[in-house]
Amino acid sequence: MNGHTGLDGVQNESSDIETENQDVIEVEEAEQEYESLNNTIDQLDSYLTELEQKNDDLIVKIQELIDSSRQAREQIEKEEAKEDEDKKNGDKGGKKKGKKAQEQLEGMPYATL
């Protein structure tokens, strides 16, 4: 009976060691998974930061284009108002000047906004 109990004790001890080894392996695998997830999150954060910067840059450029377009439109309106005033006063040269200014503005890429 003592031999049998001793064998059971060895088997239990062996089983405990296997369980501990399995636990260590599972912990190591979990640590690797966490590290991998952490690296992935860091990459995503980096990409999002870059995307936010590009978005901010685009907003600035769009605002600049809007401002340029507004200025061009105001210039055209001033030229057209001057043409109308010149027509009322009988000045034929004003029409040529206004048309020339409008042609110059149309050649600018931002004037199409």
Protein backbone atom coordinates (compact mmCIF):
# COMPACT_ATOMS: atom_id res chain seq x y z
CA MET A 1 0.00 0.00 0.00
CA ASN A 2 2.87 2.34 0.77
CA GLY A 3 4.37 1.63 -2.67
CA HIS A 4 1.09 2.38 -4.26
CA THR A 5 0.74 5.62 -2.31
CA GLY A 6 4.29 6.58 -3.24
CA LEU A 7 3.53 6.01 -6.93
CA ASP A 8 0.39 8.10 -6.65
CA GLY A 9 2.46 10.84 -4.98
CA VAL A 10 4.96 10.80 -7.86
CA GLN A 11 2.17 10.86 -10.39
CA ASN A 12 0.49 13.76 -8.56
CA GLU A 13 3.79 15.60 -8.34
CA SER A 14 4.44 14.99 -12.03
CA SER A 15 0.93 16.19 -12.85
CA ASP A 16 1.49 19.33 -10.75
CA ILE A 17 4.73 20.06 -12.61
CA GLU A 18 3.00 19.61 -15.97
CA THR A 19 0.22 21.95 -14.84
CA GLU A 20 2.76 24.55 -13.73
CA ASN A 21 4.64 24.21 -17.02
CA GLN A 22 1.38 24.62 -18.94
CA ASP A 23 0.52 27.70 -16.85
CA VAL A 24 3.95 29.22 -17.57
CA ILE A 25 3.49 28.56 -21.29
CA GLU A 26 0.02 30.13 -21.24
CA VAL A 27 1.33 33.20 -19.39
CA GLU A 28 4.18 33.58 -21.90
CA GLU A 29 1.73 33.25 -24.80
CA ALA A 30 -0.56 35.84 -23.21
CA GLU A 31 2.39 38.22 -22.72
CA GLN A 32 3.32 37.81 -26.39
CA GLU A 33 -0.27 38.51 -27.44
CA TYR A 34 -0.39 41.63 -25.25
CA GLU A 35 2.91 42.83 -26.66
CA SER A 36 1.67 42.25 -30.20
CA LEU A 37 -1.58 44.08 -29.47
CA ASN A 38 0.33 46.93 -27.87
CA ASN A 39 2.55 47.25 -30.97
CA THR A 40 -0.52 47.23 -33.21
CA ILE A 41 -2.17 49.94 -31.10
CA ASP A 42 1.02 52.03 -31.28
CA GLN A 43 1.04 51.70 -35.08
CA LEU A 44 -2.63 52.69 -35.28
CA ASP A 45 -1.97 55.69 -33.06
CA SER A 46 0.90 56.73 -35.31
CA TYR A 47 -1.24 56.39 -38.45
CA LEU A 48 -4.10 58.33 -36.87
CA THR A 49 -1.76 61.12 -35.80
CA GLU A 50 -0.40 61.34 -39.34
CA LEU A 51 -3.92 61.34 -40.77
CA GLU A 52 -4.99 64.12 -38.40
CA GLN A 53 -2.00 66.22 -39.49
CA LYS A 54 -2.84 65.71 -43.17
CA ASN A 55 -6.46 66.62 -42.45
CA ASP A 56 -5.36 69.81 -40.65
CA ASP A 57 -3.09 70.70 -43.60
CA LEU A 58 -5.94 70.17 -46.05
CA ILE A 59 -8.25 72.39 -44.01
CA VAL A 60 -5.66 75.17 -44.10
CA LYS A 61 -5.22 74.79 -47.88
CA ILE A 62 -8.97 74.76 -48.47
CA GLN A 63 -9.38 77.92 -46.39
CA GLU A 64 -6.62 79.57 -48.42
CA LEU A 65 -8.38 78.59 -51.66
CA ILE A 66 -11.69 79.92 -50.36
CA ASP A 67 -10.05 83.22 -49.42
CA SER A 68 -8.33 83.49 -52.81
CA SER A 69 -11.57 82.71 -54.59
CA ARG A 70 -13.42 85.32 -52.55
CA GLN A 71 -10.77 87.93 -53.37
CA ALA A 72 -10.90 87.07 -57.08
CA ARG A 73 -14.70 87.26 -57.08
CA GLU A 74 -14.59 90.65 -55.31
CA GLN A 75 -12.05 91.91 -57.84
CA ILE A 76 -14.28 90.81 -60.73
CA GLU A 77 -17.29 92.45 -59.11
CA LYS A 78 -15.31 95.71 -58.69
CA GLU A 79 -14.24 95.58 -62.33
CA GLU A 80 -17.81 94.90 -63.47
CA ALA A 81 -19.12 97.73 -61.30
CA LYS A 82 -16.49 100.02 -62.80
CA GLU A 83 -17.51 98.91 -66.29
CA ASP A 84 -21.14 99.67 -65.51
CA GLU A 85 -20.18 103.08 -64.14
CA ASP A 86 -18.04 103.77 -67.19
CA LYS A 87 -20.91 102.76 -69.48
CA LYS A 88 -23.16 105.20 -67.71
CA ASN A 89 -20.55 107.90 -68.17
CA GLY A 90 -19.93 106.94 -71.79
CA ASP A 91 -16.36 105.63 -71.31
CA LYS A 92 -15.63 102.80 -73.77
CA GLY A 93 -12.11 102.05 -72.44
CA GLY A 94 -13.41 100.73 -69.12
CA LYS A 95 -14.95 97.69 -70.78
CA LYS A 96 -11.60 96.59 -72.16
CA LYS A 97 -9.90 96.97 -68.79
CA GLY A 98 -12.59 94.99 -66.96
CA LYS A 99 -12.57 92.22 -69.55
CA LYS A 100 -8.79 91.98 -69.34
CA ALA A 101 -8.89 91.69 -65.53
CA GLN A 102 -11.53 88.98 -65.73
CA GLU A 103 -9.46 87.01 -68.25
CA GLN A 104 -6.44 87.21 -65.95
CA LEU A 105 -8.46 85.96 -63.00
CA GLU A 106 -9.94 83.09 -65.03
CA GLY A 107 -6.42 81.88 -65.76
CA MET A 108 -5.78 81.39 -62.03
CA PRO A 109 -6.52 77.88 -60.70
CA TYR A 110 -8.26 79.12 -57.57
CA ALA A 111 -10.67 81.31 -59.51
CA THR A 112 -12.71 78.21 -60.40
CA LEU A 113 -13.83 77.54 -56.80
